[in-house]
PDB file of N, CA and C in Angstrom:
ATOM      1  N   MET A   1     -17.137   0.464 -16.538  1.00  0.00           N
ATOM      2  CA  MET A   1     -15.791  -0.060 -16.378  1.00  0.00           C
ATOM      3  C   MET A   1     -15.257   0.349 -15.013  1.00  0.00           C
ATOM      4  N   GLU A   2     -14.746  -0.601 -14.233  1.00  0.00           N
ATOM      5  CA  GLU A   2     -14.219  -0.311 -12.912  1.00  0.00           C
ATOM      6  C   GLU A   2     -12.780   0.179 -12.988  1.00  0.00           C
ATOM      7  N   ALA A   3     -12.432   1.046 -12.045  1.00  0.00           N
ATOM      8  CA  ALA A   3     -11.048   1.512 -11.943  1.00  0.00           C
ATOM      9  C   ALA A   3     -10.209   0.381 -11.371  1.00  0.00           C
ATOM     10  N   PRO A   4      -8.930   0.305 -11.747  1.00  0.00           N
ATOM     11  CA  PRO A   4      -8.080  -0.741 -11.195  1.00  0.00           C
ATOM     12  C   PRO A   4      -7.941  -0.595  -9.685  1.00  0.00           C
ATOM     13  N   THR A   5      -7.801  -1.701  -8.990  1.00  0.00           N
ATOM     14  CA  THR A   5      -7.641  -1.684  -7.544  1.00  0.00           C
ATOM     15  C   THR A   5      -6.299  -1.080  -7.187  1.00  0.00           C
ATOM     16  N   THR A   6      -6.324  -0.177  -6.228  1.00  0.00           N
ATOM     17  CA  THR A   6      -5.095   0.423  -5.744  1.00  0.00           C
ATOM     18  C   THR A   6      -4.401  -0.578  -4.843  1.00  0.00           C
ATOM     19  N   GLU A   7      -3.091  -0.656  -4.955  1.00  0.00           N
ATOM     20  CA  GLU A   7      -2.309  -1.557  -4.125  1.00  0.00           C
ATOM     21  C   GLU A   7      -1.286  -0.744  -3.344  1.00  0.00           C
ATOM     22  N   VAL A   8      -1.182  -1.016  -2.057  1.00  0.00           N
ATOM     23  CA  VAL A   8      -0.257  -0.296  -1.190  1.00  0.00           C
ATOM     24  C   VAL A   8       0.994  -1.139  -0.996  1.00  0.00           C
ATOM     25  N   HIS A   9       2.163  -0.497  -1.152  1.00  0.00           N
ATOM     26  CA  HIS A   9       3.464  -1.151  -1.008  1.00  0.00           C
ATOM     27  C   HIS A   9       4.295  -0.417   0.045  1.00  0.00           C
ATOM     28  N   ARG A  10       5.275  -1.102   0.609  1.00  0.00           N
ATOM     29  CA  ARG A  10       6.278  -0.436   1.425  1.00  0.00           C
ATOM     30  C   ARG A  10       7.251   0.247   0.480  1.00  0.00           C
ATOM     31  N   GLY A  11       7.951   1.242   0.983  1.00  0.00           N
ATOM     32  CA  GLY A  11       8.888   1.986   0.139  1.00  0.00           C
ATOM     33  C   GLY A  11      10.027   1.161  -0.414  1.00  0.00           C
ATOM     34  N   ASP A  12      10.396   0.084   0.252  1.00  0.00           N
ATOM     35  CA  ASP A  12      11.508  -0.747  -0.211  1.00  0.00           C
ATOM     36  C   ASP A  12      11.051  -1.985  -0.995  1.00  0.00           C
ATOM     37  N   CYS A  13       9.799  -2.008  -1.415  1.00  0.00           N
ATOM     38  CA  CYS A  13       9.256  -3.171  -2.119  1.00  0.00           C
ATOM     39  C   CYS A  13       9.750  -3.228  -3.565  1.00  0.00           C
ATOM     40  N   TRP A  14      10.278  -4.365  -3.948  1.00  0.00           N
ATOM     41  CA  TRP A  14      10.746  -4.533  -5.321  1.00  0.00           C
ATOM     42  C   TRP A  14       9.588  -4.824  -6.279  1.00  0.00           C
ATOM     43  N   ALA A  15       8.458  -5.242  -5.766  1.00  0.00           N
ATOM     44  CA  ALA A  15       7.323  -5.631  -6.604  1.00  0.00           C
ATOM     45  C   ALA A  15       6.473  -4.443  -7.049  1.00  0.00           C
ATOM     46  N   GLY A  16       6.736  -3.267  -6.525  1.00  0.00           N
ATOM     47  CA  GLY A  16       5.906  -2.106  -6.828  1.00  0.00           C
ATOM     48  C   GLY A  16       6.180  -1.450  -8.162  1.00  0.00           C
ATOM     49  N   GLY A  17       7.279  -1.779  -8.771  1.00  0.00           N
ATOM     50  CA  GLY A  17       7.612  -1.141 -10.038  1.00  0.00           C
ATOM     51  C   GLY A  17       8.144   0.257  -9.829  1.00  0.00           C
ATOM     52  N   ARG A  18       8.186   1.027 -10.882  1.00  0.00           N
ATOM     53  CA  ARG A  18       8.764   2.373 -10.818  1.00  0.00           C
ATOM     54  C   ARG A  18       7.738   3.470 -10.605  1.00  0.00           C
ATOM     55  N   SER A  19       6.483   3.124 -10.550  1.00  0.00           N
ATOM     56  CA  SER A  19       5.449   4.146 -10.455  1.00  0.00           C
ATOM     57  C   SER A  19       4.947   4.356  -9.027  1.00  0.00           C
ATOM     58  N   LEU A  20       5.737   3.976  -8.032  1.00  0.00           N
ATOM     59  CA  LEU A  20       5.321   4.176  -6.646  1.00  0.00           C
ATOM     60  C   LEU A  20       5.331   5.649  -6.286  1.00  0.00           C
ATOM     61  N   VAL A  21       4.365   6.051  -5.490  1.00  0.00           N
ATOM     62  CA  VAL A  21       4.283   7.417  -4.986  1.00  0.00           C
ATOM     63  C   VAL A  21       4.324   7.332  -3.469  1.00  0.00           C
ATOM     64  N   ALA A  22       5.278   8.004  -2.865  1.00  0.00           N
ATOM     65  CA  ALA A  22       5.412   7.955  -1.410  1.00  0.00           C
ATOM     66  C   ALA A  22       4.266   8.704  -0.740  1.00  0.00           C
ATOM     67  N   VAL A  23       3.707   8.101   0.308  1.00  0.00           N
ATOM     68  CA  VAL A  23       2.661   8.728   1.111  1.00  0.00           C
ATOM     69  C   VAL A  23       2.992   8.492   2.582  1.00  0.00           C
ATOM     70  N   SER A  24       2.349   9.237   3.436  1.00  0.00           N
ATOM     71  CA  SER A  24       2.560   9.064   4.870  1.00  0.00           C
ATOM     72  C   SER A  24       1.949   7.750   5.337  1.00  0.00           C
ATOM     73  N   ALA A  25       2.387   7.294   6.509  1.00  0.00           N
ATOM     74  CA  ALA A  25       1.815   6.073   7.083  1.00  0.00           C
ATOM     75  C   ALA A  25       0.322   6.267   7.344  1.00  0.00           C
ATOM     76  N   GLU A  26      -0.050   7.471   7.754  1.00  0.00           N
ATOM     77  CA  GLU A  26      -1.465   7.772   8.010  1.00  0.00           C
ATOM     78  C   GLU A  26      -2.294   7.618   6.740  1.00  0.00           C
ATOM     79  N   ARG A  27      -1.796   8.135   5.650  1.00  0.00           N
ATOM     80  CA  ARG A  27      -2.509   8.018   4.369  1.00  0.00           C
ATOM     81  C   ARG A  27      -2.577   6.566   3.909  1.00  0.00           C
ATOM     82  N   ALA A  28      -1.485   5.821   4.087  1.00  0.00           N
ATOM     83  CA  ALA A  28      -1.478   4.410   3.706  1.00  0.00           C
ATOM     84  C   ALA A  28      -2.509   3.637   4.522  1.00  0.00           C
ATOM     85  N   ARG A  29      -2.602   3.926   5.824  1.00  0.00           N
ATOM     86  CA  ARG A  29      -3.612   3.272   6.660  1.00  0.00           C
ATOM     87  C   ARG A  29      -5.016   3.597   6.151  1.00  0.00           C
ATOM     88  N   ALA A  30      -5.237   4.861   5.784  1.00  0.00           N
ATOM     89  CA  ALA A  30      -6.553   5.276   5.283  1.00  0.00           C
ATOM     90  C   ALA A  30      -6.874   4.572   3.968  1.00  0.00           C
ATOM     91  N   GLU A  31      -5.888   4.459   3.085  1.00  0.00           N
ATOM     92  CA  GLU A  31      -6.101   3.774   1.798  1.00  0.00           C
ATOM     93  C   GLU A  31      -6.467   2.309   2.029  1.00  0.00           C
ATOM     94  N   LEU A  32      -5.772   1.644   2.953  1.00  0.00           N
ATOM     95  CA  LEU A  32      -6.075   0.253   3.259  1.00  0.00           C
ATOM     96  C   LEU A  32      -7.470   0.120   3.856  1.00  0.00           C
ATOM     97  N   ALA A  33      -7.841   1.058   4.725  1.00  0.00           N
ATOM     98  CA  ALA A  33      -9.173   1.038   5.333  1.00  0.00           C
ATOM     99  C   ALA A  33     -10.261   1.264   4.293  1.00  0.00           C
ATOM    100  N   ASP A  34      -9.945   2.005   3.228  1.00  0.00           N
ATOM    101  CA  ASP A  34     -10.910   2.292   2.168  1.00  0.00           C
ATOM    102  C   ASP A  34     -10.966   1.208   1.097  1.00  0.00           C
ATOM    103  N   GLY A  35     -10.218   0.124   1.292  1.00  0.00           N
ATOM    104  CA  GLY A  35     -10.326  -0.986   0.356  1.00  0.00           C
ATOM    105  C   GLY A  35      -9.134  -1.238  -0.536  1.00  0.00           C
ATOM    106  N   ALA A  36      -8.081  -0.425  -0.422  1.00  0.00           N
ATOM    107  CA  ALA A  36      -6.884  -0.692  -1.209  1.00  0.00           C
ATOM    108  C   ALA A  36      -6.282  -2.010  -0.739  1.00  0.00           C
ATOM    109  N   GLN A  37      -5.701  -2.750  -1.645  1.00  0.00           N
ATOM    110  CA  GLN A  37      -5.118  -4.045  -1.313  1.00  0.00           C
ATOM    111  C   GLN A  37      -3.659  -3.883  -0.884  1.00  0.00           C
ATOM    112  N   PRO A  38      -3.232  -4.585   0.174  1.00  0.00           N
ATOM    113  CA  PRO A  38      -1.819  -4.578   0.528  1.00  0.00           C
ATOM    114  C   PRO A  38      -1.055  -5.491  -0.426  1.00  0.00           C
ATOM    115  N   CYS A  39       0.153  -5.116  -0.754  1.00  0.00           N
ATOM    116  CA  CYS A  39       1.001  -5.942  -1.612  1.00  0.00           C
ATOM    117  C   CYS A  39       1.231  -7.290  -0.925  1.00  0.00           C
ATOM    118  N   ALA A  40       1.105  -8.369  -1.672  1.00  0.00           N
ATOM    119  CA  ALA A  40       1.302  -9.706  -1.126  1.00  0.00           C
ATOM    120  C   ALA A  40       2.779 -10.013  -0.876  1.00  0.00           C
ATOM    121  N   VAL A  41       3.675  -9.222  -1.446  1.00  0.00           N
ATOM    122  CA  VAL A  41       5.111  -9.449  -1.278  1.00  0.00           C
ATOM    123  C   VAL A  41       5.638  -8.738  -0.035  1.00  0.00           C
ATOM    124  N   CYS A  42       5.399  -7.435   0.084  1.00  0.00           N
ATOM    125  CA  CYS A  42       5.981  -6.657   1.181  1.00  0.00           C
ATOM    126  C   CYS A  42       5.063  -6.499   2.385  1.00  0.00           C
ATOM    127  N   ARG A  43       3.777  -6.787   2.242  1.00  0.00           N
ATOM    128  CA  ARG A  43       2.778  -6.766   3.310  1.00  0.00           C
ATOM    129  C   ARG A  43       2.856  -5.512   4.192  1.00  0.00           C
ATOM    130  N   PRO A  44       2.598  -4.331   3.638  1.00  0.00           N
ATOM    131  CA  PRO A  44       2.655  -3.100   4.427  1.00  0.00           C
ATOM    132  C   PRO A  44       1.625  -3.064   5.545  1.00  0.00           C
ATOM    133  N   ASP A  45       0.547  -3.819   5.404  1.00  0.00           N
ATOM    134  CA  ASP A  45      -0.477  -3.851   6.441  1.00  0.00           C
ATOM    135  C   ASP A  45       0.078  -4.405   7.750  1.00  0.00           C
ATOM    136  N   ARG A  46       1.020  -5.304   7.692  1.00  0.00           N
ATOM    137  CA  ARG A  46       1.635  -5.850   8.912  1.00  0.00           C
ATOM    138  C   ARG A  46       2.477  -4.810   9.627  1.00  0.00           C
ATOM    139  N   VAL A  47       3.164  -3.985   8.885  1.00  0.00           N
ATOM    140  CA  VAL A  47       4.017  -2.950   9.465  1.00  0.00           C
ATOM    141  C   VAL A  47       3.172  -1.784   9.983  1.00  0.00           C
ATOM    142  N   LEU A  48       2.122  -1.437   9.278  1.00  0.00           N
ATOM    143  CA  LEU A  48       1.323  -0.265   9.633  1.00  0.00           C
ATOM    144  C   LEU A  48       0.439  -0.466  10.853  1.00  0.00           C
ATOM    145  N   ILE A  49       0.258  -1.686  11.306  1.00  0.00           N
ATOM    146  CA  ILE A  49      -0.557  -1.884  12.497  1.00  0.00           C
ATOM    147  C   ILE A  49       0.242  -1.711  13.781  1.00  0.00           C
ATOM    148  N   ARG A  50       1.546  -1.566  13.660  1.00  0.00           N
ATOM    149  CA  ARG A  50       2.383  -1.333  14.836  1.00  0.00           C
ATOM    150  C   ARG A  50       2.176   0.087  15.332  1.00  0.00           C
ATOM    151  N   PRO A  51       2.255   0.290  16.660  1.00  0.00           N
ATOM    152  CA  PRO A  51       2.066   1.660  17.210  1.00  0.00           C
ATOM    153  C   PRO A  51       3.222   2.566  16.860  1.00  0.00           C
TER     154      PRO A  51
END
């Protein structure tokens, strides 16, 4: 049985539900690089690629 795919959200995303856990931008980038999916609503991957 596979583990559910982790999804990364921005802190102000309404689609994340109540179980969001805040992480640093560095950790979010690492999670995305490791295969976590960006939320299709808030698209944190677009924000995290900025310098």
